[in-house]
Amino acid sequence: MLDKIRIYTLSTCSHCRATKKFLNDNQVEYEFTDVDLLQGEQRQGAVEEVKRFNPQCTFPTIIIGDRIIVGYRESEIREALGL
């Protein structure tokens, strides 16, 4: 069984869209949060969570098990997923 996959994205980010497309094309289940679509405390909470994994708070921030991948790095994502 694969580790739980969580990604933090921006709805307007081309790298974020590419990450989602890659995961969808490979039938990988994941949870995502479009941080820019949140408001108020929800947005602040999501930003704080991203900063725990990625202090620069850049997107996408991808969490696969205990591995953190920042940006759309297909080869790293493939390796982390065992694809």
PDB file of N, CA and C in Angstrom:
ATOM      1  N   MET A   1       0.838  -1.194   0.000  1.00  0.00           N
ATOM      2  CA  MET A   1       0.000   0.000   0.000  1.00  0.00           C
ATOM      3  C   MET A   1       0.879   1.252   0.000  1.00  0.00           C
ATOM      4  N   LEU A   2       0.480   2.213  -0.798  1.00  0.00           N
ATOM      5  CA  LEU A   2       1.232   3.464  -0.862  1.00  0.00           C
ATOM      6  C   LEU A   2       0.988   4.315   0.369  1.00  0.00           C
ATOM      7  N   ASP A   3       1.985   5.129   0.680  1.00  0.00           N
ATOM      8  CA  ASP A   3       1.811   6.103   1.743  1.00  0.00           C
ATOM      9  C   ASP A   3       0.744   7.112   1.318  1.00  0.00           C
ATOM     10  N   LYS A   4       0.144   7.749   2.306  1.00  0.00           N
ATOM     11  CA  LYS A   4      -0.803   8.815   2.027  1.00  0.00           C
ATOM     12  C   LYS A   4      -0.077   9.962   1.311  1.00  0.00           C
ATOM     13  N   ILE A   5      -0.712  10.507   0.302  1.00  0.00           N
ATOM     14  CA  ILE A   5      -0.106  11.578  -0.482  1.00  0.00           C
ATOM     15  C   ILE A   5      -0.933  12.835  -0.298  1.00  0.00           C
ATOM     16  N   ARG A   6      -0.242  13.911   0.035  1.00  0.00           N
ATOM     17  CA  ARG A   6      -0.891  15.207   0.289  1.00  0.00           C
ATOM     18  C   ARG A   6      -0.120  16.249  -0.487  1.00  0.00           C
ATOM     19  N   ILE A   7      -0.822  17.098  -1.221  1.00  0.00           N
ATOM     20  CA  ILE A   7      -0.143  18.184  -1.913  1.00  0.00           C
ATOM     21  C   ILE A   7      -0.812  19.511  -1.597  1.00  0.00           C
ATOM     22  N   TYR A   8       0.015  20.515  -1.456  1.00  0.00           N
ATOM     23  CA  TYR A   8      -0.444  21.886  -1.259  1.00  0.00           C
ATOM     24  C   TYR A   8      -0.137  22.627  -2.546  1.00  0.00           C
ATOM     25  N   THR A   9      -1.172  23.253  -3.105  1.00  0.00           N
ATOM     26  CA  THR A   9      -1.065  23.849  -4.428  1.00  0.00           C
ATOM     27  C   THR A   9      -1.693  25.234  -4.453  1.00  0.00           C
ATOM     28  N   LEU A  10      -1.483  25.909  -5.578  1.00  0.00           N
ATOM     29  CA  LEU A  10      -2.196  27.144  -5.891  1.00  0.00           C
ATOM     30  C   LEU A  10      -3.017  26.857  -7.144  1.00  0.00           C
ATOM     31  N   SER A  11      -4.246  27.335  -7.189  1.00  0.00           N
ATOM     32  CA  SER A  11      -5.118  27.031  -8.325  1.00  0.00           C
ATOM     33  C   SER A  11      -4.582  27.597  -9.635  1.00  0.00           C
ATOM     34  N   THR A  12      -3.761  28.637  -9.569  1.00  0.00           N
ATOM     35  CA  THR A  12      -3.260  29.307 -10.766  1.00  0.00           C
ATOM     36  C   THR A  12      -1.870  28.843 -11.192  1.00  0.00           C
ATOM     37  N   CYS A  13      -1.288  27.897 -10.476  1.00  0.00           N
ATOM     38  CA  CYS A  13       0.113  27.492 -10.678  1.00  0.00           C
ATOM     39  C   CYS A  13       0.217  26.376 -11.718  1.00  0.00           C
ATOM     40  N   SER A  14       0.982  26.618 -12.786  1.00  0.00           N
ATOM     41  CA  SER A  14       1.125  25.602 -13.846  1.00  0.00           C
ATOM     42  C   SER A  14       1.849  24.359 -13.333  1.00  0.00           C
ATOM     43  N   HIS A  15       2.828  24.516 -12.450  1.00  0.00           N
ATOM     44  CA  HIS A  15       3.537  23.353 -11.897  1.00  0.00           C
ATOM     45  C   HIS A  15       2.608  22.531 -11.003  1.00  0.00           C
ATOM     46  N   CYS A  16       1.719  23.214 -10.303  1.00  0.00           N
ATOM     47  CA  CYS A  16       0.745  22.520  -9.459  1.00  0.00           C
ATOM     48  C   CYS A  16      -0.225  21.720 -10.327  1.00  0.00           C
ATOM     49  N   ARG A  17      -0.690  22.327 -11.408  1.00  0.00           N
ATOM     50  CA  ARG A  17      -1.595  21.623 -12.328  1.00  0.00           C
ATOM     51  C   ARG A  17      -0.890  20.417 -12.945  1.00  0.00           C
ATOM     52  N   ALA A  18       0.385  20.577 -13.309  1.00  0.00           N
ATOM     53  CA  ALA A  18       1.146  19.466 -13.890  1.00  0.00           C
ATOM     54  C   ALA A  18       1.283  18.322 -12.883  1.00  0.00           C
ATOM     55  N   THR A  19       1.489  18.668 -11.610  1.00  0.00           N
ATOM     56  CA  THR A  19       1.604  17.641 -10.569  1.00  0.00           C
ATOM     57  C   THR A  19       0.301  16.858 -10.449  1.00  0.00           C
ATOM     58  N   LYS A  20      -0.820  17.566 -10.380  1.00  0.00           N
ATOM     59  CA  LYS A  20      -2.127  16.898 -10.280  1.00  0.00           C
ATOM     60  C   LYS A  20      -2.378  16.027 -11.511  1.00  0.00           C
ATOM     61  N   LYS A  21      -2.061  16.550 -12.696  1.00  0.00           N
ATOM     62  CA  LYS A  21      -2.263  15.782 -13.933  1.00  0.00           C
ATOM     63  C   LYS A  21      -1.413  14.511 -13.903  1.00  0.00           C
ATOM     64  N   PHE A  22      -0.160  14.631 -13.502  1.00  0.00           N
ATOM     65  CA  PHE A  22       0.722  13.467 -13.420  1.00  0.00           C
ATOM     66  C   PHE A  22       0.133  12.409 -12.481  1.00  0.00           C
ATOM     67  N   LEU A  23      -0.297  12.836 -11.299  1.00  0.00           N
ATOM     68  CA  LEU A  23      -0.868  11.888 -10.336  1.00  0.00           C
ATOM     69  C   LEU A  23      -2.145  11.263 -10.880  1.00  0.00           C
ATOM     70  N   ASN A  24      -3.006  12.081 -11.484  1.00  0.00           N
ATOM     71  CA  ASN A  24      -4.254  11.561 -12.066  1.00  0.00           C
ATOM     72  C   ASN A  24      -3.964  10.581 -13.203  1.00  0.00           C
ATOM     73  N   ASP A  25      -3.031  10.940 -14.087  1.00  0.00           N
ATOM     74  CA  ASP A  25      -2.690  10.077 -15.222  1.00  0.00           C
ATOM     75  C   ASP A  25      -2.148   8.729 -14.765  1.00  0.00           C
ATOM     76  N   ASN A  26      -1.525   8.702 -13.586  1.00  0.00           N
ATOM     77  CA  ASN A  26      -0.967   7.468 -13.038  1.00  0.00           C
ATOM     78  C   ASN A  26      -1.887   6.809 -12.006  1.00  0.00           C
ATOM     79  N   GLN A  27      -3.138   7.269 -11.959  1.00  0.00           N
ATOM     80  CA  GLN A  27      -4.154   6.742 -11.043  1.00  0.00           C
ATOM     81  C   GLN A  27      -3.676   6.668  -9.602  1.00  0.00           C
ATOM     82  N   VAL A  28      -2.993   7.745  -9.180  1.00  0.00           N
ATOM     83  CA  VAL A  28      -2.502   7.838  -7.809  1.00  0.00           C
ATOM     84  C   VAL A  28      -3.506   8.661  -7.010  1.00  0.00           C
ATOM     85  N   GLU A  29      -3.985   8.097  -5.903  1.00  0.00           N
ATOM     86  CA  GLU A  29      -4.904   8.838  -5.039  1.00  0.00           C
ATOM     87  C   GLU A  29      -4.128   9.833  -4.199  1.00  0.00           C
ATOM     88  N   TYR A  30      -4.687  11.018  -4.040  1.00  0.00           N
ATOM     89  CA  TYR A  30      -4.023  12.045  -3.250  1.00  0.00           C
ATOM     90  C   TYR A  30      -5.055  13.020  -2.721  1.00  0.00           C
ATOM     91  N   GLU A  31      -4.658  13.727  -1.697  1.00  0.00           N
ATOM     92  CA  GLU A  31      -5.464  14.832  -1.166  1.00  0.00           C
ATOM     93  C   GLU A  31      -4.729  16.110  -1.509  1.00  0.00           C
ATOM     94  N   PHE A  32      -5.469  17.153  -1.834  1.00  0.00           N
ATOM     95  CA  PHE A  32      -4.820  18.422  -2.135  1.00  0.00           C
ATOM     96  C   PHE A  32      -5.584  19.577  -1.527  1.00  0.00           C
ATOM     97  N   THR A  33      -4.857  20.662  -1.328  1.00  0.00           N
ATOM     98  CA  THR A  33      -5.441  21.906  -0.868  1.00  0.00           C
ATOM     99  C   THR A  33      -4.943  23.012  -1.779  1.00  0.00           C
ATOM    100  N   ASP A  34      -5.881  23.705  -2.444  1.00  0.00           N
ATOM    101  CA  ASP A  34      -5.537  24.906  -3.205  1.00  0.00           C
ATOM    102  C   ASP A  34      -5.522  26.060  -2.197  1.00  0.00           C
ATOM    103  N   VAL A  35      -4.336  26.377  -1.711  1.00  0.00           N
ATOM    104  CA  VAL A  35      -4.191  27.335  -0.619  1.00  0.00           C
ATOM    105  C   VAL A  35      -4.766  28.707  -0.986  1.00  0.00           C
ATOM    106  N   ASP A  36      -4.602  29.123  -2.239  1.00  0.00           N
ATOM    107  CA  ASP A  36      -5.072  30.450  -2.641  1.00  0.00           C
ATOM    108  C   ASP A  36      -6.593  30.561  -2.664  1.00  0.00           C
ATOM    109  N   LEU A  37      -7.307  29.446  -2.642  1.00  0.00           N
ATOM    110  CA  LEU A  37      -8.766  29.495  -2.644  1.00  0.00           C
ATOM    111  C   LEU A  37      -9.350  29.533  -1.234  1.00  0.00           C
ATOM    112  N   LEU A  38      -8.499  29.356  -0.235  1.00  0.00           N
ATOM    113  CA  LEU A  38      -8.943  29.440   1.158  1.00  0.00           C
ATOM    114  C   LEU A  38      -8.963  30.900   1.588  1.00  0.00           C
ATOM    115  N   GLN A  39      -9.676  31.161   2.672  1.00  0.00           N
ATOM    116  CA  GLN A  39      -9.727  32.534   3.188  1.00  0.00           C
ATOM    117  C   GLN A  39      -9.507  32.533   4.692  1.00  0.00           C
ATOM    118  N   GLY A  40      -9.070  33.670   5.178  1.00  0.00           N
ATOM    119  CA  GLY A  40      -8.971  33.902   6.616  1.00  0.00           C
ATOM    120  C   GLY A  40      -8.146  32.873   7.349  1.00  0.00           C
ATOM    121  N   GLU A  41      -8.724  32.359   8.449  1.00  0.00           N
ATOM    122  CA  GLU A  41      -8.000  31.426   9.313  1.00  0.00           C
ATOM    123  C   GLU A  41      -7.658  30.130   8.600  1.00  0.00           C
ATOM    124  N   GLN A  42      -8.528  29.683   7.696  1.00  0.00           N
ATOM    125  CA  GLN A  42      -8.242  28.452   6.951  1.00  0.00           C
ATOM    126  C   GLN A  42      -6.984  28.627   6.114  1.00  0.00           C
ATOM    127  N   ARG A  43      -6.898  29.762   5.426  1.00  0.00           N
ATOM    128  CA  ARG A  43      -5.718  30.016   4.589  1.00  0.00           C
ATOM    129  C   ARG A  43      -4.472  30.118   5.464  1.00  0.00           C
ATOM    130  N   GLN A  44      -4.561  30.864   6.564  1.00  0.00           N
ATOM    131  CA  GLN A  44      -3.409  31.024   7.449  1.00  0.00           C
ATOM    132  C   GLN A  44      -2.957  29.674   7.990  1.00  0.00           C
ATOM    133  N   GLY A  45      -3.909  28.831   8.364  1.00  0.00           N
ATOM    134  CA  GLY A  45      -3.573  27.503   8.861  1.00  0.00           C
ATOM    135  C   GLY A  45      -2.869  26.661   7.810  1.00  0.00           C
ATOM    136  N   ALA A  46      -3.344  26.729   6.567  1.00  0.00           N
ATOM    137  CA  ALA A  46      -2.722  25.970   5.484  1.00  0.00           C
ATOM    138  C   ALA A  46      -1.306  26.472   5.214  1.00  0.00           C
ATOM    139  N   VAL A  47      -1.125  27.789   5.231  1.00  0.00           N
ATOM    140  CA  VAL A  47       0.210  28.370   5.008  1.00  0.00           C
ATOM    141  C   VAL A  47       1.169  27.907   6.106  1.00  0.00           C
ATOM    142  N   GLU A  48       0.712  27.922   7.353  1.00  0.00           N
ATOM    143  CA  GLU A  48       1.558  27.460   8.465  1.00  0.00           C
ATOM    144  C   GLU A  48       1.931  25.986   8.285  1.00  0.00           C
ATOM    145  N   GLU A  49       0.973  25.183   7.826  1.00  0.00           N
ATOM    146  CA  GLU A  49       1.253  23.767   7.614  1.00  0.00           C
ATOM    147  C   GLU A  49       2.292  23.581   6.503  1.00  0.00           C
ATOM    148  N   VAL A  50       2.138  24.312   5.400  1.00  0.00           N
ATOM    149  CA  VAL A  50       3.118  24.228   4.307  1.00  0.00           C
ATOM    150  C   VAL A  50       4.501  24.595   4.834  1.00  0.00           C
ATOM    151  N   LYS A  51       4.590  25.649   5.636  1.00  0.00           N
ATOM    152  CA  LYS A  51       5.884  26.107   6.158  1.00  0.00           C
ATOM    153  C   LYS A  51       6.551  25.062   7.052  1.00  0.00           C
ATOM    154  N   ARG A  52       5.757  24.197   7.685  1.00  0.00           N
ATOM    155  CA  ARG A  52       6.339  23.110   8.493  1.00  0.00           C
ATOM    156  C   ARG A  52       7.138  22.162   7.607  1.00  0.00           C
ATOM    157  N   PHE A  53       6.645  21.930   6.402  1.00  0.00           N
ATOM    158  CA  PHE A  53       7.297  21.009   5.472  1.00  0.00           C
ATOM    159  C   PHE A  53       8.278  21.715   4.550  1.00  0.00           C
ATOM    160  N   ASN A  54       7.991  22.982   4.238  1.00  0.00           N
ATOM    161  CA  ASN A  54       8.739  23.740   3.238  1.00  0.00           C
ATOM    162  C   ASN A  54       8.800  25.194   3.703  1.00  0.00           C
ATOM    163  N   PRO A  55       9.844  25.553   4.454  1.00  0.00           N
ATOM    164  CA  PRO A  55       9.924  26.899   5.033  1.00  0.00           C
ATOM    165  C   PRO A  55       9.816  28.039   4.014  1.00  0.00           C
ATOM    166  N   GLN A  56      10.169  27.788   2.740  1.00  0.00           N
ATOM    167  CA  GLN A  56      10.044  28.837   1.719  1.00  0.00           C
ATOM    168  C   GLN A  56       8.596  29.043   1.287  1.00  0.00           C
ATOM    169  N   CYS A  57       7.727  28.103   1.646  1.00  0.00           N
ATOM    170  CA  CYS A  57       6.303  28.182   1.326  1.00  0.00           C
ATOM    171  C   CYS A  57       6.090  28.368  -0.182  1.00  0.00           C
ATOM    172  N   THR A  58       6.724  27.488  -0.958  1.00  0.00           N
ATOM    173  CA  THR A  58       6.550  27.511  -2.402  1.00  0.00           C
ATOM    174  C   THR A  58       5.683  26.325  -2.822  1.00  0.00           C
ATOM    175  N   PHE A  59       5.185  26.380  -4.040  1.00  0.00           N
ATOM    176  CA  PHE A  59       4.196  25.401  -4.486  1.00  0.00           C
ATOM    177  C   PHE A  59       4.600  24.784  -5.818  1.00  0.00           C
ATOM    178  N   PRO A  60       4.217  23.526  -6.043  1.00  0.00           N
ATOM    179  CA  PRO A  60       3.539  22.648  -5.099  1.00  0.00           C
ATOM    180  C   PRO A  60       4.489  22.110  -4.030  1.00  0.00           C
ATOM    181  N   THR A  61       3.934  21.859  -2.870  1.00  0.00           N
ATOM    182  CA  THR A  61       4.643  21.136  -1.818  1.00  0.00           C
ATOM    183  C   THR A  61       3.956  19.779  -1.730  1.00  0.00           C
ATOM    184  N   ILE A  62       4.727  18.724  -1.971  1.00  0.00           N
ATOM    185  CA  ILE A  62       4.191  17.369  -2.083  1.00  0.00           C
ATOM    186  C   ILE A  62       4.736  16.539  -0.927  1.00  0.00           C
ATOM    187  N   ILE A  63       3.824  15.882  -0.206  1.00  0.00           N
ATOM    188  CA  ILE A  63       4.226  15.039   0.906  1.00  0.00           C
ATOM    189  C   ILE A  63       3.810  13.615   0.568  1.00  0.00           C
ATOM    190  N   ILE A  64       4.801  12.731   0.451  1.00  0.00           N
ATOM    191  CA  ILE A  64       4.552  11.317   0.168  1.00  0.00           C
ATOM    192  C   ILE A  64       5.188  10.547   1.319  1.00  0.00           C
ATOM    193  N   GLY A  65       4.347  10.083   2.233  1.00  0.00           N
ATOM    194  CA  GLY A  65       4.874   9.436   3.438  1.00  0.00           C
ATOM    195  C   GLY A  65       5.689  10.445   4.221  1.00  0.00           C
ATOM    196  N   ASP A  66       6.970  10.136   4.444  1.00  0.00           N
ATOM    197  CA  ASP A  66       7.828  11.076   5.177  1.00  0.00           C
ATOM    198  C   ASP A  66       8.738  11.848   4.227  1.00  0.00           C
ATOM    199  N   ARG A  67       8.460  11.766   2.940  1.00  0.00           N
ATOM    200  CA  ARG A  67       9.279  12.457   1.938  1.00  0.00           C
ATOM    201  C   ARG A  67       8.589  13.746   1.485  1.00  0.00           C
ATOM    202  N   ILE A  68       9.373  14.805   1.406  1.00  0.00           N
ATOM    203  CA  ILE A  68       8.859  16.101   0.969  1.00  0.00           C
ATOM    204  C   ILE A  68       9.506  16.432  -0.372  1.00  0.00           C
ATOM    205  N   ILE A  69       8.681  16.753  -1.360  1.00  0.00           N
ATOM    206  CA  ILE A  69       9.173  17.167  -2.668  1.00  0.00           C
ATOM    207  C   ILE A  69       8.577  18.543  -2.940  1.00  0.00           C
ATOM    208  N   VAL A  70       9.453  19.489  -3.260  1.00  0.00           N
ATOM    209  CA  VAL A  70       9.003  20.850  -3.532  1.00  0.00           C
ATOM    210  C   VAL A  70       9.157  21.102  -5.026  1.00  0.00           C
ATOM    211  N   GLY A  71       8.062  21.496  -5.652  1.00  0.00           N
ATOM    212  CA  GLY A  71       8.088  21.736  -7.094  1.00  0.00           C
ATOM    213  C   GLY A  71       7.683  20.486  -7.843  1.00  0.00           C
ATOM    214  N   TYR A  72       7.422  20.662  -9.136  1.00  0.00           N
ATOM    215  CA  TYR A  72       7.050  19.525  -9.976  1.00  0.00           C
ATOM    216  C   TYR A  72       8.325  18.860 -10.471  1.00  0.00           C
ATOM    217  N   ARG A  73       8.734  17.832  -9.760  1.00  0.00           N
ATOM    218  CA  ARG A  73       9.941  17.079 -10.106  1.00  0.00           C
ATOM    219  C   ARG A  73       9.508  15.644 -10.394  1.00  0.00           C
ATOM    220  N   GLU A  74       9.157  15.422 -11.663  1.00  0.00           N
ATOM    221  CA  GLU A  74       8.538  14.147 -12.023  1.00  0.00           C
ATOM    222  C   GLU A  74       9.380  12.948 -11.626  1.00  0.00           C
ATOM    223  N   SER A  75      10.687  12.999 -11.856  1.00  0.00           N
ATOM    224  CA  SER A  75      11.518  11.828 -11.534  1.00  0.00           C
ATOM    225  C   SER A  75      11.517  11.553 -10.025  1.00  0.00           C
ATOM    226  N   GLU A  76      11.559  12.599  -9.211  1.00  0.00           N
ATOM    227  CA  GLU A  76      11.520  12.398  -7.749  1.00  0.00           C
ATOM    228  C   GLU A  76      10.165  11.862  -7.311  1.00  0.00           C
ATOM    229  N   ILE A  77       9.099  12.371  -7.927  1.00  0.00           N
ATOM    230  CA  ILE A  77       7.748  11.900  -7.579  1.00  0.00           C
ATOM    231  C   ILE A  77       7.621  10.427  -7.962  1.00  0.00           C
ATOM    232  N   ARG A  78       8.082  10.079  -9.181  1.00  0.00           N
ATOM    233  CA  ARG A  78       8.039   8.679  -9.627  1.00  0.00           C
ATOM    234  C   ARG A  78       8.782   7.770  -8.647  1.00  0.00           C
ATOM    235  N   GLU A  79       9.975   8.204  -8.253  1.00  0.00           N
ATOM    236  CA  GLU A  79      10.793   7.397  -7.340  1.00  0.00           C
ATOM    237  C   GLU A  79      10.076   7.217  -5.998  1.00  0.00           C
ATOM    238  N   ALA A  80       9.535   8.312  -5.461  1.00  0.00           N
ATOM    239  CA  ALA A  80       8.856   8.247  -4.166  1.00  0.00           C
ATOM    240  C   ALA A  80       7.624   7.342  -4.226  1.00  0.00           C
ATOM    241  N   LEU A  81       6.980   7.308  -5.379  1.00  0.00           N
ATOM    242  CA  LEU A  81       5.776   6.482  -5.548  1.00  0.00           C
ATOM    243  C   LEU A  81       6.087   5.059  -5.998  1.00  0.00           C
ATOM    244  N   GLY A  82       7.346   4.822  -6.391  1.00  0.00           N
ATOM    245  CA  GLY A  82       7.718   3.513  -6.893  1.00  0.00           C
ATOM    246  C   GLY A  82       7.147   3.232  -8.271  1.00  0.00           C
ATOM    247  N   LEU A  83       7.023   4.272  -9.083  1.00  0.00           N
ATOM    248  CA  LEU A  83       6.472   4.097 -10.451  1.00  0.00           C
ATOM    249  C   LEU A  83       7.577   3.852 -11.456  1.00  0.00           C
TER     250      LEU A  83
END
